[in-house]
């Protein structure tokens, strides 16, 4: 599982550190490593594109055979390319990027200790918050099997680059910023930031767990009493609980956590808030795409759900 891969990585890094592995040297190599990750994503995407030329039509993603080779290379021809039982998209979706992300964060913390004698409170918070997020994602790795990335999108350069290069080297921007721009952080403010992250995580995990539990077993006592709307497909749409508050409560939790990750960096520079701004734009775009897919899939039932739950991500705002 993904969490086992994270634990194994932690064990190997710990053994390497005991053997003298210069983890603190990693921050100086981020640019060439990012280039290598991008090149790896390109080569992998090219291999998968060529492989998909011999794939049956049933294995192609919706829109994966547009006739435009650049478009198909970018978005991916095959839905879930495999060699034997190895699923490239499922493996790459979380493990390399998320584990690489927290590994870079750890290296930045180690480098801060080498430079200043101890890690700052701000660096501890960023590392801790993001490790919690990554650990949660990998612990619940099977939940990605129902996401749009897995069920609808092909595996091409867009996803490969995002998984292998964009996530680890961009999502670690807060820790990178703190290494070169240390920020004073007093305990009262740190406590407020911890509370913000806890609220975001509570919403994020509560909403996702409720959805996943309902999908697996609608008669589970934890969700059996929730109000639903029947659909023509035979499935039910949750219209109470977290999913009766807004149509995408997990996105709301994600955004609150993203804010908490940026706040330890202070407000002197916009760079640490790039992730928050980027992720807000990403989730708004993804939400719009989800809406179109759900309307197409559930029809009148989805229109009724939207009438009952008018707000998309933020209650009374959006």
Protein backbone atom coordinates (compact mmCIF):
# COMPACT_ATOMS: atom_id res chain seq x y z
CA UNK A 1 0.00 0.00 0.00
CA UNK A 2 0.97 3.64 -0.25
CA UNK A 3 1.34 4.01 3.51
CA UNK A 4 3.65 1.01 3.63
CA UNK A 5 5.74 2.65 0.90
CA UNK A 6 5.93 5.80 3.04
CA UNK A 7 6.98 3.78 6.10
CA UNK A 8 9.60 1.89 4.08
CA UNK A 9 10.97 5.16 2.71
CA UNK A 10 11.19 6.58 6.24
CA UNK A 11 13.07 3.47 7.38
CA UNK A 12 15.53 3.65 4.49
CA UNK A 13 16.11 7.37 4.98
CA UNK A 14 16.66 6.81 8.70
CA UNK A 15 19.19 4.05 8.01
CA UNK A 16 20.86 6.26 5.42
CA UNK A 17 21.10 9.15 7.88
CA UNK A 18 22.70 6.84 10.45
CA UNK A 19 25.20 5.78 7.77
CA UNK A 20 26.09 9.39 7.00
CA UNK A 21 23.70 10.20 4.14
CA UNK A 22 24.04 13.99 3.61
CA UNK A 23 20.32 14.72 3.55
CA UNK A 24 21.00 18.41 4.14
CA UNK A 25 22.69 18.62 0.73
CA UNK A 26 19.43 17.86 -1.07
CA UNK A 27 18.11 21.47 -1.08
CA UNK A 28 21.08 22.55 -3.21
CA UNK A 29 20.11 19.94 -5.82
CA UNK A 30 16.42 20.77 -6.19
CA UNK A 31 16.71 22.42 -9.61
CA UNK A 32 18.60 19.55 -11.32
CA UNK A 33 16.35 17.04 -9.57
CA UNK A 34 13.25 18.87 -10.84
CA UNK A 35 14.70 18.79 -14.36
CA UNK A 36 15.40 15.05 -14.02
CA UNK A 37 11.84 14.44 -12.78
CA UNK A 38 10.42 16.40 -15.72
CA UNK A 39 12.57 14.44 -18.16
CA UNK A 40 11.44 11.18 -16.53
CA UNK A 41 7.80 12.24 -16.92
CA UNK A 42 8.40 13.04 -20.59
CA UNK A 43 10.10 9.71 -21.34
CA UNK A 44 7.41 7.78 -19.44
CA UNK A 45 4.65 9.63 -21.31
CA UNK A 46 6.32 8.94 -24.65
CA UNK A 47 6.61 5.25 -23.79
CA UNK A 48 2.95 5.08 -22.76
CA UNK A 49 1.85 6.92 -25.90
CA UNK A 50 3.67 4.43 -28.13
CA UNK A 51 2.35 1.53 -26.05
CA UNK A 52 -1.21 2.85 -26.42
CA UNK A 53 -0.99 2.71 -30.22
CA UNK A 54 -1.45 -1.05 -29.93
CA UNK A 55 -4.08 -0.88 -27.18
CA UNK A 56 -7.67 -1.95 -27.89
CA UNK A 57 -10.29 0.77 -28.16
CA UNK A 58 -11.85 -0.41 -24.89
CA UNK A 59 -8.64 0.51 -23.04
CA UNK A 60 -8.58 4.13 -24.26
CA UNK A 61 -9.66 7.07 -22.15
CA UNK A 62 -12.68 9.13 -23.22
CA UNK A 63 -11.21 11.49 -25.79
CA UNK A 64 -7.94 9.58 -25.74
CA UNK A 65 -7.91 9.08 -29.49
CA UNK A 66 -8.52 12.56 -30.88
CA UNK A 67 -6.26 12.09 -33.87
CA UNK A 68 -4.01 14.93 -32.69
CA UNK A 69 -0.78 13.28 -31.46
CA UNK A 70 0.27 16.27 -29.33
CA UNK A 71 -3.12 16.44 -27.62
CA UNK A 72 -3.20 12.68 -27.05
CA UNK A 73 0.38 12.67 -25.76
CA UNK A 74 -0.45 15.44 -23.30
CA UNK A 75 -3.73 14.04 -21.96
CA UNK A 76 -2.94 10.35 -22.44
CA UNK A 77 -4.48 7.76 -24.74
CA UNK A 78 -4.94 4.83 -22.35
CA UNK A 79 -7.16 5.17 -19.31
CA UNK A 80 -5.15 2.87 -17.04
CA UNK A 81 -2.00 1.67 -18.82
CA UNK A 82 -0.62 -1.55 -17.38
CA UNK A 83 2.17 -4.03 -17.88
CA UNK A 84 0.99 -7.32 -16.40
CA UNK A 85 -0.58 -6.31 -13.07
CA UNK A 86 1.41 -3.09 -12.67
CA UNK A 87 -0.88 -0.07 -13.12
CA UNK A 88 1.25 2.96 -14.03
CA UNK A 89 -1.39 5.56 -13.23
CA UNK A 90 -2.42 4.09 -9.87
CA UNK A 91 1.22 3.82 -8.79
CA UNK A 92 2.19 7.32 -9.92
CA UNK A 93 -0.98 9.08 -8.76
CA UNK A 94 0.16 9.44 -5.14
CA UNK A 95 3.29 7.57 -4.14
CA UNK A 96 6.26 9.20 -5.96
CA UNK A 97 5.02 12.77 -5.69
CA UNK A 98 3.73 12.73 -2.13
CA UNK A 99 6.64 10.77 -0.70
CA UNK A 100 9.07 12.98 -2.62
CA UNK A 101 7.30 16.05 -1.22
CA UNK A 102 7.76 15.11 2.45
CA UNK A 103 11.30 13.90 1.75
CA UNK A 104 12.20 17.32 0.33
CA UNK A 105 10.54 18.96 3.35
CA UNK A 106 12.61 16.80 5.69
CA UNK A 107 15.81 17.67 3.83
CA UNK A 108 14.98 21.37 4.14
CA UNK A 109 14.43 20.95 7.89
CA UNK A 110 17.78 19.14 8.23
CA UNK A 111 19.49 21.90 6.26
CA UNK A 112 17.93 24.52 8.53
CA UNK A 113 19.41 22.71 11.53
CA UNK A 114 22.82 22.71 9.84
CA UNK A 115 22.59 26.45 9.16
CA UNK A 116 20.98 27.76 12.35
CA UNK A 117 21.52 25.03 14.94
CA UNK A 118 17.86 24.03 15.29
CA UNK A 119 14.67 23.96 13.21
CA UNK A 120 12.31 26.90 13.56
CA UNK A 121 8.79 26.51 14.90
CA UNK A 122 7.47 27.58 11.49
CA UNK A 123 9.45 24.80 9.76
CA UNK A 124 8.17 22.25 12.28
CA UNK A 125 4.58 23.28 11.59
CA UNK A 126 4.92 23.12 7.81
CA UNK A 127 6.61 19.70 7.98
CA UNK A 128 4.08 18.36 10.48
CA UNK A 129 0.98 19.63 8.67
CA UNK A 130 2.09 18.35 5.29
CA UNK A 131 3.27 15.00 6.66
CA UNK A 132 -0.19 14.52 8.19
CA UNK A 133 -1.79 15.28 4.82
CA UNK A 134 0.50 12.90 2.92
CA UNK A 135 0.14 10.14 5.51
CA UNK A 136 -3.65 10.48 5.36
CA UNK A 137 -3.68 10.33 1.55
CA UNK A 138 -1.49 7.23 1.44
CA UNK A 139 -3.39 5.51 4.26
CA UNK A 140 -6.62 5.98 2.27
CA UNK A 141 -4.95 5.37 -1.09
CA UNK A 142 -7.74 3.12 -2.37
CA UNK A 143 -10.10 6.11 -2.28
CA UNK A 144 -8.47 7.52 -5.43
CA UNK A 145 -10.01 4.66 -7.43
CA UNK A 146 -13.26 6.63 -7.62
CA UNK A 147 -11.69 9.99 -8.55
CA UNK A 148 -11.93 11.61 -11.97
CA UNK A 149 -8.18 11.18 -12.52
CA UNK A 150 -8.56 7.40 -12.34
CA UNK A 151 -12.02 6.85 -13.83
CA UNK A 152 -12.02 9.41 -16.64
CA UNK A 153 -8.62 10.93 -17.50
CA UNK A 154 -5.97 9.23 -19.60
CA UNK A 155 -2.44 8.89 -18.27
CA UNK A 156 -0.31 11.20 -20.38
CA UNK A 157 2.26 13.92 -19.84
CA UNK A 158 -0.16 16.15 -17.92
CA UNK A 159 -0.67 13.65 -15.09
CA UNK A 160 2.85 12.18 -15.27
CA UNK A 161 4.45 15.63 -14.96
CA UNK A 162 2.07 16.58 -12.17
CA UNK A 163 2.69 13.38 -10.22
CA UNK A 164 6.47 13.15 -10.63
CA UNK A 165 7.64 16.77 -10.86
CA UNK A 166 5.00 19.39 -10.05
CA UNK A 167 3.81 17.95 -6.74
CA UNK A 168 7.12 17.36 -4.91
CA UNK A 169 8.95 20.46 -6.12
CA UNK A 170 6.06 22.96 -6.02
CA UNK A 171 4.12 21.77 -2.99
CA UNK A 172 7.29 22.09 -0.87
CA UNK A 173 7.54 25.84 -1.58
CA UNK A 174 6.63 26.82 1.99
CA UNK A 175 9.53 24.82 3.45
CA UNK A 176 11.86 26.11 0.72
CA UNK A 177 10.86 29.68 1.56
CA UNK A 178 11.43 29.19 5.29
CA UNK A 179 14.94 27.84 4.76
CA UNK A 180 16.09 31.03 3.05
CA UNK A 181 13.70 33.47 4.76
CA UNK A 182 13.34 32.42 8.43
CA UNK A 183 10.17 33.72 10.04
CA UNK A 184 9.68 34.42 13.75
CA UNK A 185 6.60 32.64 15.06
CA UNK A 186 5.34 32.99 18.61
CA UNK A 187 3.48 30.20 20.38
CA UNK A 188 0.05 31.95 20.48
CA UNK A 189 0.06 32.48 16.70
CA UNK A 190 1.34 28.94 16.17
CA UNK A 191 -1.58 27.66 18.25
CA UNK A 192 -4.06 29.58 16.08
CA UNK A 193 -2.49 28.16 12.93
CA UNK A 194 -2.66 24.64 14.38
CA UNK A 195 -6.36 25.18 15.10
CA UNK A 196 -6.97 26.34 11.51
CA UNK A 197 -5.23 23.25 10.16
CA UNK A 198 -7.17 21.00 12.54
CA UNK A 199 -10.49 22.49 11.38
CA UNK A 200 -9.51 22.00 7.74
CA UNK A 201 -8.40 18.43 8.33
CA UNK A 202 -11.57 17.65 10.31
CA UNK A 203 -13.75 18.82 7.41
CA UNK A 204 -11.57 17.15 4.77
CA UNK A 205 -11.34 13.78 6.48
CA UNK A 206 -14.94 13.82 7.73
CA UNK A 207 -16.35 14.54 4.26
CA UNK A 208 -14.16 12.00 2.48
CA UNK A 209 -14.77 9.28 5.06
CA UNK A 210 -18.52 9.84 4.92
CA UNK A 211 -18.51 9.61 1.12
CA UNK A 212 -16.29 6.52 1.02
CA UNK A 213 -18.28 4.74 3.73
CA UNK A 214 -21.54 5.43 1.91
CA UNK A 215 -20.14 4.18 -1.39
CA UNK A 216 -18.92 0.95 0.17
CA UNK A 217 -21.98 0.23 2.30
CA UNK A 218 -24.99 2.59 2.38
CA UNK A 219 -26.44 0.55 5.26
CA UNK A 220 -23.44 1.24 7.51
CA UNK A 221 -24.78 2.69 10.80
CA UNK A 222 -22.52 5.73 10.39
CA UNK A 223 -24.33 6.80 7.20
CA UNK A 224 -27.59 4.84 7.18
CA UNK A 225 -29.56 7.76 8.61
CA UNK A 226 -28.40 10.31 6.05
CA UNK A 227 -30.93 11.74 3.61
CA UNK A 228 -30.41 10.81 -0.04
CA UNK A 229 -31.78 11.49 -3.52
CA UNK A 230 -32.34 8.45 -5.79
CA UNK A 231 -30.93 8.59 -9.32
CA UNK A 232 -31.78 6.85 -12.58
CA UNK A 233 -28.50 4.90 -12.33
CA UNK A 234 -29.68 3.21 -9.14
CA UNK A 235 -27.18 5.08 -6.98
CA UNK A 236 -28.05 7.56 -4.24
CA UNK A 237 -26.82 11.13 -3.80
CA UNK A 238 -26.09 12.25 -0.25
CA UNK A 239 -28.00 15.41 0.57
CA UNK A 240 -27.32 15.67 4.30
CA UNK A 241 -24.30 15.41 6.56
CA UNK A 242 -21.17 17.00 5.14
CA UNK A 243 -22.55 16.73 1.61
CA UNK A 244 -25.66 18.67 2.56
CA UNK A 245 -23.55 21.65 3.67
CA UNK A 246 -21.85 22.28 0.32
CA UNK A 247 -21.46 20.17 -2.81
CA UNK A 248 -17.70 19.74 -2.33
CA UNK A 249 -16.93 19.91 1.41
CA UNK A 250 -13.64 18.04 0.95
CA UNK A 251 -12.42 20.91 -1.25
CA UNK A 252 -13.30 23.36 1.53
CA UNK A 253 -11.19 21.39 3.99
CA UNK A 254 -8.34 21.26 1.47
CA UNK A 255 -8.35 25.05 1.09
CA UNK A 256 -8.42 25.70 4.83
CA UNK A 257 -5.42 23.41 5.29
CA UNK A 258 -3.61 25.12 2.41
CA UNK A 259 -4.06 28.44 4.23
CA UNK A 260 -2.66 26.94 7.44
CA UNK A 261 0.43 25.68 5.58
CA UNK A 262 1.14 29.18 4.26
CA UNK A 263 0.57 31.22 7.42
CA UNK A 264 3.79 30.09 9.21
CA UNK A 265 5.68 31.88 6.41
CA UNK A 266 4.30 35.27 7.43
CA UNK A 267 2.88 37.84 5.05
CA UNK A 268 6.04 39.51 3.75
CA UNK A 269 6.04 37.63 0.43
CA UNK A 270 3.45 36.15 -1.92
CA UNK A 271 5.52 33.06 -2.82
CA UNK A 272 4.44 30.86 0.14
CA UNK A 273 0.81 31.54 -0.83
CA UNK A 274 1.32 30.32 -4.40
CA UNK A 275 0.10 26.85 -3.42
CA UNK A 276 -3.09 28.27 -1.88
CA UNK A 277 -3.85 30.41 -4.95
CA UNK A 278 -2.97 27.64 -7.39
CA UNK A 279 -4.97 25.05 -5.47
CA UNK A 280 -8.00 27.34 -5.24
CA UNK A 281 -7.93 27.78 -9.03
CA UNK A 282 -7.42 24.03 -9.51
CA UNK A 283 -10.33 23.09 -7.25
CA UNK A 284 -12.69 25.63 -8.84
CA UNK A 285 -11.81 24.19 -12.26
CA UNK A 286 -12.15 20.62 -10.99
CA UNK A 287 -15.46 21.44 -9.32
CA UNK A 288 -16.82 22.82 -12.60
CA UNK A 289 -15.70 19.67 -14.40
CA UNK A 290 -17.25 17.49 -11.70
CA UNK A 291 -20.52 19.38 -12.05
CA UNK A 292 -20.66 18.73 -15.81
CA UNK A 293 -19.89 15.04 -15.37
CA UNK A 294 -22.44 14.60 -12.59
CA UNK A 295 -25.14 16.42 -14.55
CA UNK A 296 -24.48 14.16 -17.51
CA UNK A 297 -24.49 11.05 -15.31
CA UNK A 298 -27.35 11.78 -12.90
CA UNK A 299 -29.51 14.23 -14.87
CA UNK A 300 -32.59 15.47 -13.00
CA UNK A 301 -31.38 14.00 -9.70
CA UNK A 302 -28.26 16.18 -9.89
CA UNK A 303 -30.35 19.26 -10.65
CA UNK A 304 -32.43 18.51 -7.56
CA UNK A 305 -29.26 18.06 -5.51
CA UNK A 306 -27.97 21.44 -6.69
CA UNK A 307 -31.29 23.02 -5.76
CA UNK A 308 -31.13 21.48 -2.28
CA UNK A 309 -27.43 22.28 -1.81
CA UNK A 310 -26.86 25.60 -3.64
CA UNK A 311 -23.29 26.32 -2.51
CA UNK A 312 -20.40 24.61 -4.27
CA UNK A 313 -17.38 24.90 -1.94
CA UNK A 314 -17.74 27.73 0.60
CA UNK A 315 -21.09 28.05 2.43
CA UNK A 316 -22.98 31.27 1.64
CA UNK A 317 -20.12 32.51 -0.58
CA UNK A 318 -19.50 30.12 -3.48
